[in-house]
């Protein structure tokens, strides 16, 4: 399992655990940050090889000249990690790639891996968020998607984009759902202060936080004391929207927490929210929505990609057209002012996540995919 940057712990860790329980011998090739994510959990049943970014992981996040130099050095360590992947591939039956942090650099080693062993790639997003859909980018991802024998897509929109935009033959695209976050049950934590609305995850332009802020005045006409909690690291050009949240925070109407939240704090953070709001402009599959459903939180979301697909399938909330602040506000008010409807959405979401999105069946289907292409 190749995951250089340690991304999406809540997906990769339970998948590796479930594959091991299904009888596979799994080695995860990742970076040193994985140990931080594992803190407080039972020891993993799979092997963790933290060969990526051994010296530059922390330094590359620094500001100034030192940070820029460390990021250049990190590229060299990235190349060394991919070389390590080529060596490990020879000892395993299948290579499963989760994320490519530097796709322009990784396309060549990806094809080299595919020549050594059957290769599976999980397309968490058809292309990176907030990246302009240029001809050069499309050509790059076409080249990347030619390498795997099988590509996993979590939702119909991503599966469709793989075939129509990137020319992947339909028989190479396999639908497997994003599994639940039940592993967080092992992370008991003290309760967090309650809030009405939680917007969680990286704060980027595609997340539509500005749409939620535009919706709040309409929400306040029905729920005057509504409180918003925004939690996540900023990414991209979001200075204006952050300034708006800070202004609300000074009025006591909002809270802004610009940090990475460790897994141990996630259960109490989500359990403290009456609603989880996901006003995304575009998205493939949302791990945040799966997490909210797993914790039994009702959702108000944009009807985009796999996000709308999940909310409809689980019956766990209400949807609004992307970018429509009035419709988003009306959906928020409908659930905030109807305790029974909100509770019903929450319970349906919890049942769906812990049933249809259980990791055991997902791992069995993943292992069957490995056998199919091997």
Protein backbone atom coordinates (compact mmCIF):
# COMPACT_ATOMS: atom_id res chain seq x y z
CA UNK A 1 0.00 0.00 0.00
CA UNK A 2 1.64 3.22 -1.17
CA UNK A 3 0.67 6.44 0.61
CA UNK A 4 3.76 8.71 0.67
CA UNK A 5 2.31 11.76 2.44
CA UNK A 6 0.28 9.83 5.00
CA UNK A 7 -2.97 11.27 3.65
CA UNK A 8 -6.49 10.10 4.53
CA UNK A 9 -5.61 8.12 7.65
CA UNK A 10 -9.30 7.48 8.26
CA UNK A 11 -9.49 5.62 4.95
CA UNK A 12 -6.10 3.93 4.59
CA UNK A 13 -5.67 2.68 8.16
CA UNK A 14 -9.00 0.82 8.45
CA UNK A 15 -8.57 -0.55 4.91
CA UNK A 16 -5.16 -1.99 5.82
CA UNK A 17 -6.56 -3.39 9.07
CA UNK A 18 -9.51 -4.99 7.30
CA UNK A 19 -7.33 -6.45 4.53
CA UNK A 20 -5.09 -8.00 7.17
CA UNK A 21 -8.13 -9.45 8.93
CA UNK A 22 -9.17 -10.86 5.54
CA UNK A 23 -5.88 -12.75 5.32
CA UNK A 24 -3.61 -10.41 3.39
CA UNK A 25 -0.05 -9.48 4.36
CA UNK A 26 0.00 -5.70 4.06
CA UNK A 27 2.98 -3.34 4.09
CA UNK A 28 2.12 0.36 4.15
CA UNK A 29 4.86 2.55 2.68
CA UNK A 30 4.28 6.05 4.07
CA UNK A 31 5.95 8.83 6.08
CA UNK A 32 6.75 9.36 9.74
CA UNK A 33 3.50 11.24 10.38
CA UNK A 34 1.71 7.89 10.43
CA UNK A 35 3.02 7.23 13.96
CA UNK A 36 1.29 10.41 15.15
CA UNK A 37 -1.98 9.24 13.63
CA UNK A 38 -1.67 5.83 15.29
CA UNK A 39 -1.13 7.32 18.75
CA UNK A 40 -3.77 6.09 21.16
CA UNK A 41 -4.97 3.26 18.89
CA UNK A 42 -4.17 -0.44 19.21
CA UNK A 43 -0.95 -1.45 17.45
CA UNK A 44 -1.63 -1.94 13.72
CA UNK A 45 -1.91 -5.47 12.36
CA UNK A 46 -0.14 -4.39 9.16
CA UNK A 47 3.51 -3.40 8.70
CA UNK A 48 4.30 0.32 8.60
CA UNK A 49 7.39 1.35 6.60
CA UNK A 50 7.91 5.13 7.17
CA UNK A 51 10.58 5.56 4.51
CA UNK A 52 9.26 8.78 2.98
CA UNK A 53 10.62 12.17 4.11
CA UNK A 54 12.64 10.88 7.07
CA UNK A 55 14.64 14.11 7.41
CA UNK A 56 12.47 16.74 5.75
CA UNK A 57 8.92 16.03 6.95
CA UNK A 58 8.82 18.70 9.67
CA UNK A 59 11.35 21.11 8.15
CA UNK A 60 9.48 21.39 4.84
CA UNK A 61 6.55 23.03 6.63
CA UNK A 62 8.69 25.88 7.97
CA UNK A 63 8.41 29.40 6.59
CA UNK A 64 11.12 31.40 4.89
CA UNK A 65 14.32 30.35 3.19
CA UNK A 66 14.84 27.34 5.46
CA UNK A 67 11.42 25.97 4.59
CA UNK A 68 11.95 26.49 0.85
CA UNK A 69 15.30 24.68 1.01
CA UNK A 70 13.70 21.84 2.95
CA UNK A 71 10.97 21.50 0.33
CA UNK A 72 13.60 21.13 -2.39
CA UNK A 73 15.35 18.49 -0.29
CA UNK A 74 12.01 16.80 0.27
CA UNK A 75 11.76 16.16 -3.47
CA UNK A 76 15.01 14.20 -3.27
CA UNK A 77 13.64 12.20 -0.36
CA UNK A 78 10.45 11.64 -2.33
CA UNK A 79 12.48 10.11 -5.16
CA UNK A 80 14.28 7.88 -2.64
CA UNK A 81 10.93 6.76 -1.25
CA UNK A 82 9.65 5.85 -4.70
CA UNK A 83 12.83 3.85 -5.25
CA UNK A 84 12.05 2.05 -1.99
CA UNK A 85 8.57 1.32 -3.36
CA UNK A 86 10.10 -0.34 -6.44
CA UNK A 87 12.14 -2.59 -4.17
CA UNK A 88 9.20 -3.51 -1.94
CA UNK A 89 6.99 -4.24 -4.94
CA UNK A 90 9.15 -7.25 -5.82
CA UNK A 91 8.26 -8.84 -2.45
CA UNK A 92 4.51 -8.40 -2.78
CA UNK A 93 1.77 -9.64 -5.11
CA UNK A 94 -0.03 -6.33 -5.70
CA UNK A 95 0.78 -2.63 -5.38
CA UNK A 96 -2.12 -0.41 -4.31
CA UNK A 97 -1.52 3.35 -4.62
CA UNK A 98 -3.63 5.71 -2.52
CA UNK A 99 -2.17 9.17 -3.23
CA UNK A 100 0.45 10.72 -5.50
CA UNK A 101 1.76 13.86 -3.78
CA UNK A 102 3.83 14.99 -6.77
CA UNK A 103 1.99 13.63 -9.83
CA UNK A 104 4.31 15.34 -12.34
CA UNK A 105 7.24 13.45 -10.78
CA UNK A 106 5.37 10.27 -9.90
CA UNK A 107 4.03 9.34 -13.34
CA UNK A 108 7.29 7.62 -14.37
CA UNK A 109 7.77 5.51 -11.20
CA UNK A 110 4.08 4.64 -11.29
CA UNK A 111 4.53 3.04 -14.72
CA UNK A 112 7.69 1.32 -13.46
CA UNK A 113 5.71 -0.16 -10.57
CA UNK A 114 3.03 -1.32 -13.01
CA UNK A 115 5.65 -3.23 -14.98
CA UNK A 116 6.76 -5.06 -11.84
CA UNK A 117 3.41 -6.02 -10.27
CA UNK A 118 -0.33 -5.62 -10.88
CA UNK A 119 -1.18 -2.05 -9.88
CA UNK A 120 -4.38 -0.68 -8.31
CA UNK A 121 -4.96 3.05 -7.93
CA UNK A 122 -7.67 4.62 -5.77
CA UNK A 123 -8.97 7.79 -7.41
CA UNK A 124 -10.15 9.62 -4.29
CA UNK A 125 -10.65 12.56 -6.66
CA UNK A 126 -10.47 12.37 -10.44
CA UNK A 127 -8.05 15.34 -10.35
CA UNK A 128 -6.72 17.47 -7.47
CA UNK A 129 -9.14 20.01 -6.00
CA UNK A 130 -8.67 23.66 -6.93
CA UNK A 131 -6.35 22.73 -9.81
CA UNK A 132 -7.25 24.40 -13.13
CA UNK A 133 -8.52 21.88 -15.72
CA UNK A 134 -5.82 22.73 -18.24
CA UNK A 135 -4.98 20.54 -21.25
CA UNK A 136 -1.59 19.84 -19.64
CA UNK A 137 -3.21 18.61 -16.45
CA UNK A 138 -5.64 16.41 -18.35
CA UNK A 139 -2.76 14.92 -20.34
CA UNK A 140 -0.82 14.26 -17.13
CA UNK A 141 -3.69 12.40 -15.49
CA UNK A 142 -4.41 10.47 -18.67
CA UNK A 143 -0.80 9.25 -18.47
CA UNK A 144 -1.18 8.38 -14.79
CA UNK A 145 -4.42 6.49 -15.32
CA UNK A 146 -2.88 4.37 -18.08
CA UNK A 147 -0.62 2.63 -15.55
CA UNK A 148 -3.03 0.74 -13.22
CA UNK A 149 -4.78 -2.46 -14.18
CA UNK A 150 -7.66 -1.35 -11.95
CA UNK A 151 -8.82 2.01 -10.64
CA UNK A 152 -11.08 2.27 -7.59
CA UNK A 153 -13.73 5.03 -7.60
CA UNK A 154 -15.98 5.76 -4.64
CA UNK A 155 -18.84 7.39 -6.52
CA UNK A 156 -20.55 7.53 -9.90
CA UNK A 157 -19.27 11.02 -10.76
CA UNK A 158 -15.63 10.00 -10.38
CA UNK A 159 -16.18 6.74 -12.25
CA UNK A 160 -17.79 8.69 -15.08
CA UNK A 161 -14.98 11.26 -15.22
CA UNK A 162 -12.38 8.50 -15.43
CA UNK A 163 -13.99 7.08 -18.54
CA UNK A 164 -15.23 10.21 -20.31
CA UNK A 165 -12.51 12.74 -19.46
CA UNK A 166 -9.46 10.51 -19.09
CA UNK A 167 -10.28 7.65 -21.45
CA UNK A 168 -10.03 4.84 -18.90
CA UNK A 169 -11.82 1.73 -20.23
CA UNK A 170 -14.95 1.10 -18.17
CA UNK A 171 -13.87 -2.45 -17.32
CA UNK A 172 -10.84 -1.08 -15.47
CA UNK A 173 -12.96 1.13 -13.18
CA UNK A 174 -14.33 -0.54 -10.04
CA UNK A 175 -16.79 1.05 -7.61
CA UNK A 176 -15.95 0.49 -3.94
CA UNK A 177 -17.40 2.72 -1.20
CA UNK A 178 -15.48 4.83 1.26
CA UNK A 179 -15.68 2.88 4.51
CA UNK A 180 -16.83 4.20 7.85
CA UNK A 181 -14.90 5.74 10.75
CA UNK A 182 -15.88 3.20 13.38
CA UNK A 183 -12.23 2.85 14.44
CA UNK A 184 -12.66 6.21 16.19
CA UNK A 185 -14.80 4.43 18.79
CA UNK A 186 -11.46 3.47 20.37
CA UNK A 187 -10.75 7.19 20.96
CA UNK A 188 -12.84 8.23 23.99
CA UNK A 189 -12.46 11.95 24.61
CA UNK A 190 -13.98 14.59 26.91
CA UNK A 191 -16.94 16.41 25.38
CA UNK A 192 -16.34 19.57 23.35
CA UNK A 193 -18.42 22.74 23.83
CA UNK A 194 -21.65 22.42 21.83
CA UNK A 195 -22.25 24.25 18.56
CA UNK A 196 -25.10 24.40 16.08
CA UNK A 197 -23.10 24.13 12.84
CA UNK A 198 -19.75 22.46 12.19
CA UNK A 199 -17.73 23.09 9.02
CA UNK A 200 -14.74 20.78 9.19
CA UNK A 201 -11.71 19.99 7.03
CA UNK A 202 -9.18 21.84 4.91
CA UNK A 203 -10.43 25.37 4.21
CA UNK A 204 -10.10 25.86 0.46
CA UNK A 205 -12.03 27.72 -2.26
CA UNK A 206 -13.82 24.56 -3.40
CA UNK A 207 -15.21 24.00 0.11
CA UNK A 208 -17.73 26.84 -0.33
CA UNK A 209 -17.35 28.28 3.16
CA UNK A 210 -18.23 31.68 1.70
CA UNK A 211 -21.59 30.25 0.61
CA UNK A 212 -22.28 29.14 4.18
CA UNK A 213 -21.35 32.60 5.47
CA UNK A 214 -23.72 34.17 2.91
CA UNK A 215 -26.45 31.82 4.18
CA UNK A 216 -26.08 32.73 7.86
CA UNK A 217 -28.12 35.97 7.88
CA UNK A 218 -31.12 34.08 6.47
CA UNK A 219 -30.57 31.31 9.05
CA UNK A 220 -30.45 33.88 11.87
CA UNK A 221 -33.89 35.18 10.99
CA UNK A 222 -35.26 31.80 12.11
CA UNK A 223 -32.55 30.81 14.63
CA UNK A 224 -31.20 34.10 16.04
CA UNK A 225 -28.49 32.59 18.24
CA UNK A 226 -27.10 30.14 15.67
CA UNK A 227 -23.40 29.41 16.26
CA UNK A 228 -20.86 28.22 13.69
CA UNK A 229 -17.61 26.34 14.36
CA UNK A 230 -15.05 26.25 11.52
CA UNK A 231 -12.17 23.81 12.00
CA UNK A 232 -9.37 23.11 9.54
CA UNK A 233 -6.13 24.29 8.01
CA UNK A 234 -6.38 27.01 5.36
CA UNK A 235 -5.30 26.05 1.84
CA UNK A 236 -5.16 28.41 -1.13
CA UNK A 237 -6.65 31.88 -1.49
CA UNK A 238 -9.03 32.00 1.48
CA UNK A 239 -7.91 35.17 3.30
CA UNK A 240 -11.20 37.00 2.71
CA UNK A 241 -13.39 34.17 3.93
CA UNK A 242 -11.23 33.69 7.03
CA UNK A 243 -11.56 37.40 7.79
CA UNK A 244 -15.34 37.03 7.66
CA UNK A 245 -15.25 34.13 10.13
CA UNK A 246 -12.97 36.08 12.46
CA UNK A 247 -15.40 39.00 12.38
CA UNK A 248 -18.23 36.67 13.41
CA UNK A 249 -16.01 35.21 16.13
CA UNK A 250 -15.47 38.68 17.61
CA UNK A 251 -19.25 38.97 17.84
CA UNK A 252 -19.49 35.59 19.58
CA UNK A 253 -21.36 34.06 16.64
CA UNK A 254 -18.57 31.78 15.38
CA UNK A 255 -15.35 30.03 16.29
CA UNK A 256 -12.34 29.53 14.02
CA UNK A 257 -9.80 26.78 14.72
CA UNK A 258 -7.05 26.79 12.07
CA UNK A 259 -5.27 23.61 13.07
CA UNK A 260 -4.87 19.98 12.24
CA UNK A 261 -7.16 18.02 14.55
CA UNK A 262 -5.77 14.68 15.77
CA UNK A 263 -8.01 11.66 15.47
CA UNK A 264 -8.48 11.44 19.22
CA UNK A 265 -10.34 14.78 19.21
CA UNK A 266 -12.65 14.02 16.28
CA UNK A 267 -15.41 12.09 18.11
CA UNK A 268 -16.06 14.85 20.65
CA UNK A 269 -15.79 17.56 17.98
CA UNK A 270 -18.45 15.96 15.79
CA UNK A 271 -20.64 14.79 18.67
CA UNK A 272 -20.85 18.41 19.89
CA UNK A 273 -22.42 19.64 16.61
CA UNK A 274 -26.15 19.65 15.93
CA UNK A 275 -25.48 19.77 12.18
CA UNK A 276 -22.45 19.17 9.95
CA UNK A 277 -22.56 21.55 6.98
CA UNK A 278 -20.70 20.77 3.74
CA UNK A 279 -21.37 23.58 1.23
CA UNK A 280 -18.81 22.35 -1.32
CA UNK A 281 -18.72 23.77 -4.82
CA UNK A 282 -17.31 20.49 -6.13
CA UNK A 283 -16.20 17.21 -4.57
CA UNK A 284 -15.80 13.57 -5.45
CA UNK A 285 -16.29 11.67 -2.21
CA UNK A 286 -16.24 13.35 1.19
CA UNK A 287 -14.62 11.57 4.09
CA UNK A 288 -16.04 14.30 6.32
CA UNK A 289 -19.58 13.28 5.34
CA UNK A 290 -18.81 9.62 6.05
CA UNK A 291 -17.35 10.64 9.42
CA UNK A 292 -20.44 12.70 10.26
CA UNK A 293 -22.72 9.79 9.37
CA UNK A 294 -20.60 7.36 11.39
CA UNK A 295 -20.90 9.62 14.45
CA UNK A 296 -24.67 10.00 13.96
CA UNK A 297 -24.70 13.65 12.90
CA UNK A 298 -27.27 15.03 10.49
CA UNK A 299 -25.81 16.69 7.38
CA UNK A 300 -26.70 19.67 5.19
CA UNK A 301 -24.63 19.58 2.01
CA UNK A 302 -24.31 20.67 -1.59
CA UNK A 303 -25.70 18.23 -4.11
CA UNK A 304 -22.38 17.55 -5.85
CA UNK A 305 -20.52 14.36 -6.78
CA UNK A 306 -20.36 11.55 -4.28
CA UNK A 307 -21.47 13.89 -1.51
CA UNK A 308 -25.02 14.11 -2.81
CA UNK A 309 -24.92 10.40 -3.63
CA UNK A 310 -24.04 9.54 -0.02
CA UNK A 311 -26.62 11.81 1.60
CA UNK A 312 -29.38 10.41 -0.61
CA UNK A 313 -28.35 6.78 -0.09
CA UNK A 314 -28.06 7.16 3.68
CA UNK A 315 -31.03 9.51 4.12
CA UNK A 316 -28.83 11.40 6.58
CA UNK A 317 -29.64 15.00 5.72
CA UNK A 318 -30.75 17.61 3.22
CA UNK A 319 -29.14 18.82 -0.01
CA UNK A 320 -28.94 22.20 -1.71
CA UNK A 321 -27.68 23.22 -5.16
CA UNK A 322 -23.98 24.17 -5.02
CA UNK A 323 -23.43 27.89 -4.57
CA UNK A 324 -27.07 28.57 -3.61
CA UNK A 325 -26.88 30.34 -0.24
CA UNK A 326 -30.67 30.72 0.12
CA UNK A 327 -31.34 27.02 -0.47
CA UNK A 328 -28.51 26.10 1.91
CA UNK A 329 -29.98 28.38 4.58
CA UNK A 330 -33.47 26.90 4.15
CA UNK A 331 -32.09 23.36 4.56
CA UNK A 332 -30.15 24.36 7.69
CA UNK A 333 -33.22 26.00 9.22
CA UNK A 334 -35.39 23.00 8.38
CA UNK A 335 -33.18 20.66 10.41
CA UNK A 336 -32.18 23.04 13.20
CA UNK A 337 -35.83 23.79 13.99
CA UNK A 338 -37.11 20.20 13.76
CA UNK A 339 -35.52 18.00 16.40
CA UNK A 340 -37.37 14.87 15.28
CA UNK A 341 -36.31 15.24 11.64
CA UNK A 342 -32.72 15.93 12.65
CA UNK A 343 -32.63 12.91 14.95
CA UNK A 344 -34.10 10.68 12.23
CA UNK A 345 -31.43 11.83 9.75
CA UNK A 346 -28.73 11.20 12.34
CA UNK A 347 -29.94 7.70 13.12
CA UNK A 348 -30.33 6.73 9.45
CA UNK A 349 -26.81 8.00 8.78
CA UNK A 350 -25.33 6.04 11.67
CA UNK A 351 -27.06 2.84 10.60
CA UNK A 352 -25.98 3.26 6.97
CA UNK A 353 -22.36 4.01 7.84
CA UNK A 354 -22.00 1.11 10.23
CA UNK A 355 -23.79 -1.30 7.91
CA UNK A 356 -23.36 -0.50 4.23
CA UNK A 357 -19.96 1.15 4.81
CA UNK A 358 -18.49 -1.53 7.11
CA UNK A 359 -14.86 -2.29 6.31
CA UNK A 360 -15.07 -6.10 6.37
CA UNK A 361 -17.10 -6.41 3.14
CA UNK A 362 -15.13 -3.57 1.51
CA UNK A 363 -11.85 -5.37 2.25
CA UNK A 364 -13.24 -8.64 0.89
CA UNK A 365 -14.23 -6.91 -2.35
CA UNK A 366 -10.82 -5.21 -2.51
CA UNK A 367 -9.05 -8.55 -2.07
CA UNK A 368 -11.25 -10.03 -4.80
CA UNK A 369 -10.16 -7.18 -7.06
CA UNK A 370 -6.51 -8.00 -6.31
CA UNK A 371 -7.10 -11.62 -7.31
CA UNK A 372 -8.94 -10.54 -10.46
CA UNK A 373 -6.05 -8.48 -11.79
CA UNK A 374 -3.29 -10.77 -10.48
